[in-house]
Protein backbone atom coordinates (compact mmCIF):
# COMPACT_ATOMS: atom_id res chain seq x y z
CA MET A 1 0.00 0.00 0.00
CA LYS A 2 2.82 2.35 0.96
CA LYS A 3 4.59 1.51 -2.29
CA TYR A 4 1.40 2.26 -4.24
CA PHE A 5 0.96 5.59 -2.45
CA VAL A 6 4.55 6.70 -3.19
CA LEU A 7 4.15 5.77 -6.87
CA SER A 8 0.84 7.66 -7.17
CA PHE A 9 2.27 10.71 -5.46
CA THR A 10 5.28 10.69 -7.80
CA ILE A 11 3.07 10.54 -10.90
CA VAL A 12 0.82 13.38 -9.69
CA PHE A 13 3.83 15.48 -8.72
CA CYS A 14 5.46 15.00 -12.13
CA LEU A 15 2.26 15.90 -13.94
CA PHE A 16 1.79 19.01 -11.83
CA THR A 17 5.40 20.05 -12.33
CA ALA A 18 5.18 19.52 -16.08
CA CYS A 19 2.00 21.61 -16.33
CA GLY A 20 3.46 24.24 -14.06
CA ASN A 21 6.62 24.49 -16.15
CA LYS A 22 4.59 24.78 -19.35
CA SER A 23 2.59 27.66 -17.89
CA ALA A 24 5.68 29.31 -16.52
CA ALA A 25 7.49 29.00 -19.83
CA LYS A 26 4.55 30.65 -21.60
CA ALA A 27 4.36 33.41 -19.02
CA ASN A 28 8.10 34.06 -18.94
CA SER A 29 8.56 34.01 -22.72
CA GLY A 30 6.62 37.25 -23.16
CA THR A 31 5.39 35.85 -26.49
CA THR A 32 1.75 36.52 -27.35
CA THR A 33 -0.33 35.72 -30.40
CA ASP A 34 0.07 39.36 -31.51
CA SER A 35 3.85 39.35 -31.17
CA LEU A 36 4.09 36.03 -33.04
CA SER A 37 1.90 37.51 -35.75
CA MET A 38 4.13 40.59 -35.96
CA ALA A 39 7.21 38.35 -36.21
CA THR A 40 5.62 36.53 -39.15
CA GLN A 41 4.70 39.84 -40.75
CA SER A 42 8.21 41.22 -40.35
CA GLU A 43 9.67 38.17 -42.08
CA TYR A 44 7.17 38.21 -44.97
CA ILE A 45 8.62 41.18 -46.88
CA LYS A 46 11.95 42.50 -45.67
CA ALA A 47 11.90 46.18 -44.76
CA ASP A 48 14.74 48.61 -45.36
CA VAL A 49 15.59 50.59 -42.23
CA TYR A 50 16.68 54.23 -42.32
CA GLU A 51 17.72 56.21 -39.27
CA THR A 52 16.05 59.56 -38.60
CA ASN A 53 16.68 62.05 -35.80
CA LYS A 54 13.52 60.71 -34.13
CA GLY A 55 14.12 56.99 -34.47
CA PRO A 56 14.14 54.34 -37.19
CA LEU A 57 11.97 54.45 -40.28
CA LYS A 58 11.12 51.09 -41.82
CA VAL A 59 10.34 51.25 -45.53
CA THR A 60 8.72 48.33 -47.36
CA LEU A 61 7.97 48.26 -51.07
CA VAL A 62 5.07 45.82 -50.88
CA GLY A 63 4.83 45.70 -54.68
CA HIS A 64 3.46 47.56 -57.71
CA GLY A 65 2.38 50.99 -56.39
CA SER A 66 2.03 49.88 -52.76
CA VAL A 67 4.36 51.07 -50.01
CA MET A 68 4.35 50.55 -46.25
CA PHE A 69 6.07 52.68 -43.60
CA GLU A 70 6.62 51.92 -39.92
CA TYR A 71 7.67 54.88 -37.81
CA GLY A 72 7.16 55.91 -34.21
CA GLY A 73 5.08 52.82 -33.54
CA LYS A 74 2.67 53.65 -36.38
CA ILE A 75 1.96 51.74 -39.61
CA ILE A 76 1.18 53.65 -42.80
CA GLN A 77 -0.11 51.78 -45.85
CA VAL A 78 0.02 53.68 -49.16
CA ASP A 79 -2.21 52.39 -51.98
CA PRO A 80 -2.57 48.82 -50.64
CA TYR A 81 -3.31 46.42 -53.51
CA SER A 82 -4.52 42.89 -52.82
CA LYS A 83 -3.26 41.37 -56.09
CA ILE A 84 0.41 41.87 -55.28
CA ALA A 85 0.70 40.67 -51.68
CA ASP A 86 -1.05 38.80 -48.89
CA TYR A 87 -2.10 41.67 -46.65
CA SER A 88 -3.16 39.26 -43.90
CA LYS A 89 0.58 38.79 -43.30
CA LEU A 90 1.17 42.52 -42.94
CA PRO A 91 0.42 44.71 -39.92
CA LYS A 92 -2.86 46.57 -39.60
CA ALA A 93 -2.72 50.20 -40.64
CA ASP A 94 -2.92 53.22 -38.38
CA LEU A 95 -3.12 55.33 -41.55
CA ILE A 96 -4.18 54.37 -45.06
CA ILE A 97 -3.32 56.94 -47.71
CA LEU A 98 -4.49 56.80 -51.34
CA THR A 99 -3.01 58.62 -54.32
CA HIS A 100 -5.92 58.25 -56.76
CA GLU A 101 -8.95 56.21 -57.72
CA HIS A 102 -7.66 53.62 -60.22
CA ALA A 103 -8.33 50.01 -59.16
CA ASP A 104 -4.66 49.20 -58.51
CA HIS A 105 -4.50 52.10 -56.04
CA LEU A 106 -7.97 52.18 -54.54
CA ASP A 107 -8.63 48.54 -53.67
CA THR A 108 -11.31 47.97 -51.04
CA VAL A 109 -10.30 44.31 -50.64
CA ALA A 110 -6.83 45.38 -49.51
CA ILE A 111 -8.22 48.27 -47.45
CA ASN A 112 -10.54 45.90 -45.60
CA ALA A 113 -7.64 43.52 -44.97
CA VAL A 114 -5.46 46.12 -43.24
CA LYS A 115 -7.93 48.53 -41.65
CA ARG A 116 -8.84 48.66 -37.99
CA ALA A 117 -11.77 50.33 -36.30
CA ASP A 118 -9.62 53.38 -35.57
CA THR A 119 -7.67 53.53 -38.86
CA HIS A 120 -7.30 57.06 -40.25
CA TYR A 121 -7.62 57.79 -43.99
CA ILE A 122 -6.10 60.46 -46.22
CA VAL A 123 -7.31 60.36 -49.82
CA SER A 124 -7.78 62.37 -52.98
CA LYS A 125 -11.11 64.08 -53.58
CA VAL A 126 -12.25 61.48 -56.12
CA CYS A 127 -11.31 58.62 -53.76
CA ASN A 128 -13.44 60.28 -51.07
CA GLU A 129 -16.38 60.54 -53.48
CA ILE A 130 -16.09 56.80 -54.19
CA LEU A 131 -15.46 55.57 -50.64
CA LYS A 132 -17.61 58.16 -48.86
CA TYR A 133 -14.92 58.56 -46.19
CA GLY A 134 -11.38 59.84 -45.68
CA ASP A 135 -9.78 63.24 -45.16
CA ILE A 136 -9.38 64.95 -48.54
CA MET A 137 -6.04 66.34 -49.62
CA ASN A 138 -5.64 68.25 -52.88
CA ASN A 139 -2.43 69.22 -54.64
CA GLY A 140 -0.61 71.72 -52.44
CA ASP A 141 -2.40 70.79 -49.20
CA LYS A 142 -0.36 70.08 -46.08
CA THR A 143 -1.26 68.31 -42.87
CA VAL A 144 0.34 66.73 -39.82
CA TRP A 145 -0.67 63.28 -38.61
CA SER A 146 0.95 61.68 -35.55
CA ASP A 147 3.96 64.02 -35.75
CA ILE A 148 4.44 63.20 -39.44
CA SER A 149 4.16 66.09 -41.89
CA ILE A 150 2.42 65.17 -45.15
CA GLU A 151 2.18 67.30 -48.30
CA ALA A 152 0.06 66.40 -51.33
CA VAL A 153 1.92 67.20 -54.56
CA PRO A 154 0.87 67.01 -58.23
CA ALA A 155 0.85 63.69 -60.09
CA TYR A 156 -0.32 63.71 -63.70
CA ASN A 157 0.38 62.98 -67.36
CA ILE A 158 1.76 65.50 -69.82
CA VAL A 159 2.21 63.11 -72.78
CA ASN A 160 0.42 59.78 -72.46
CA LYS A 161 -3.30 59.68 -73.25
CA ASN A 162 -6.00 57.04 -73.19
CA PRO A 163 -7.78 55.83 -76.39
CA GLN A 164 -10.46 58.49 -75.87
CA GLY A 165 -7.83 61.24 -76.10
CA GLY A 166 -7.76 62.23 -72.44
CA PHE A 167 -4.81 61.92 -70.11
CA TYR A 168 -4.71 58.76 -68.02
CA HIS A 169 -4.08 60.97 -65.01
CA PRO A 170 -5.38 64.52 -65.50
CA LYS A 171 -3.67 67.35 -63.67
CA GLY A 172 -5.16 68.08 -60.25
CA ARG A 173 -7.04 64.78 -59.92
CA GLY A 174 -4.50 62.57 -58.14
CA ASN A 175 -1.77 63.14 -55.58
CA GLY A 176 1.80 62.26 -54.90
CA TYR A 177 2.83 62.67 -51.27
CA VAL A 178 5.90 63.99 -49.48
CA PHE A 179 6.25 62.62 -45.95
CA SER A 180 8.55 64.13 -43.33
CA PHE A 181 9.67 61.45 -40.87
CA GLY A 182 11.80 63.44 -38.49
CA ASP A 183 14.65 64.83 -40.58
CA LYS A 184 14.04 62.43 -43.49
CA LYS A 185 11.76 63.27 -46.42
CA VAL A 186 10.14 60.55 -48.49
CA TYR A 187 8.44 61.18 -51.84
CA VAL A 188 5.83 58.71 -53.08
CA ALA A 189 5.10 60.00 -56.56
CA GLY A 190 1.92 58.10 -57.40
CA ASP A 191 1.04 57.78 -61.09
CA THR A 192 2.82 60.61 -62.83
CA GLU A 193 5.21 61.58 -65.58
CA ASN A 194 8.32 63.76 -65.25
CA ILE A 195 6.31 66.90 -64.50
CA PRO A 196 7.93 70.32 -63.99
CA GLU A 197 6.74 70.50 -60.36
CA MET A 198 9.37 67.86 -59.54
CA ASP A 199 12.06 70.53 -59.88
CA ARG A 200 10.85 72.06 -56.61
CA LEU A 201 11.79 68.88 -54.78
CA LYS A 202 15.37 68.73 -56.06
CA GLY A 203 17.88 67.98 -53.34
CA SER A 204 15.31 67.89 -50.53
CA ILE A 205 14.24 64.25 -50.82
CA ASP A 206 16.03 61.42 -49.04
CA ILE A 207 13.97 58.52 -50.43
CA ALA A 208 11.78 58.55 -53.54
CA PHE A 209 9.40 56.12 -55.24
CA LEU A 210 8.99 56.86 -58.96
CA PRO A 211 6.78 54.90 -61.40
CA LYS A 212 7.95 53.52 -64.72
CA ASN A 213 5.46 51.84 -67.00
CA LEU A 214 3.79 52.65 -70.28
CA PRO A 215 1.35 53.88 -71.29
CA TYR A 216 0.25 55.07 -67.85
CA THR A 217 3.36 56.75 -66.43
CA MET A 218 6.96 57.02 -67.69
CA ASN A 219 9.30 55.37 -70.13
CA ASP A 220 13.02 54.98 -69.38
CA ASP A 221 14.00 58.47 -70.54
CA MET A 222 11.18 60.12 -68.61
CA PHE A 223 12.11 58.13 -65.53
CA VAL A 224 15.75 59.21 -65.72
CA ASP A 225 14.69 62.84 -66.21
CA ALA A 226 12.34 62.61 -63.21
CA ALA A 227 15.12 61.11 -61.10
CA LYS A 228 17.43 63.96 -62.05
CA LYS A 229 14.73 66.53 -61.30
CA VAL A 230 14.10 65.16 -57.81
CA ARG A 231 17.67 63.99 -57.12
CA PRO A 232 16.85 61.77 -54.10
CA LYS A 233 19.58 60.02 -52.15
CA VAL A 234 17.79 56.67 -52.55
CA LEU A 235 15.43 55.82 -55.41
CA TYR A 236 13.00 52.91 -55.57
CA PRO A 237 11.55 52.34 -59.06
CA TYR A 238 8.00 51.09 -58.63
CA HIS A 239 4.73 50.56 -60.53
CA MET A 240 6.66 48.82 -63.31
CA SER A 241 6.66 45.65 -65.37
CA GLU A 242 10.34 45.67 -66.31
CA PHE A 243 13.46 47.62 -65.39
CA ASP A 244 16.74 47.85 -67.30
CA ASN A 245 19.02 48.31 -64.31
CA ASP A 246 22.25 48.58 -66.30
CA LYS A 247 20.85 51.18 -68.69
CA ILE A 248 19.26 53.36 -66.04
CA SER A 249 22.16 53.03 -63.59
CA LYS A 250 24.49 54.23 -66.32
CA ALA A 251 22.17 57.15 -67.16
CA LEU A 252 22.15 58.17 -63.47
CA ASP A 253 25.91 57.80 -63.04
CA GLY A 254 27.37 60.79 -61.23
CA THR A 255 24.07 61.92 -59.70
CA GLY A 256 24.75 60.32 -56.32
CA ILE A 257 21.43 58.46 -56.50
CA THR A 258 21.36 54.91 -55.10
CA LEU A 259 18.92 52.65 -56.95
CA GLU A 260 17.03 50.04 -54.93
CA VAL A 261 15.15 47.63 -57.21
CA ARG A 262 12.59 45.35 -55.55
CA PRO A 263 10.04 42.77 -56.76
CA MET A 264 6.69 44.14 -57.89
CA LYS A 265 4.84 41.23 -56.31
CA ASN A 266 5.31 39.35 -53.03
């Protein structure tokens, strides 16, 4: 009987200890479902990290015309597009910002995938008319959101027209955006050609995203001209189907611009 009691006690003690250790390990690890999710998200598409005078800025070219920023504990999604990435693997947005109303820039499937109940929206006037929500910014407007300065700048065609004879992106309809993250300025051009307003940005931009695809935005020569107008320190070509790195690198030789070419789909 004594032998049976000792054996029973030992089994119960071991089971209790094992359960206790499992609980303790979970408690001491500090790992929650949310943090595991964020770890998965951070590994999905590698971000580039840039230091500002107010902390790190994480920049992710999600694909096509879609960009994500993480700064000061906030997530900004620009033109999220569900056909180029799995947005369930990306963090929810504190701010969603839209350049214009075309389906690869205003995508409600992607918006619904990354929005939260308290997500803020900054959009063009036409996007607001379609969605029925969002703070409107027009070309030339400036605002501050969560200590981030945002300016809406022109984005339009001066050459390429649709079959009906109108520009794919008429002047004044869509926006590019200039973000100030601490002492770093980032230009997300939206759908545009090498417009004269880019000259105003020359030398002031640290990181730029410029589109390059026909017939909607720019060809190689336009792209190079736009890059020279803006003269960013780092340039991400985006919204493109192909990119001749050797040709364009050679054309930008001596400008001090660093090209960062990323996949257009993840």
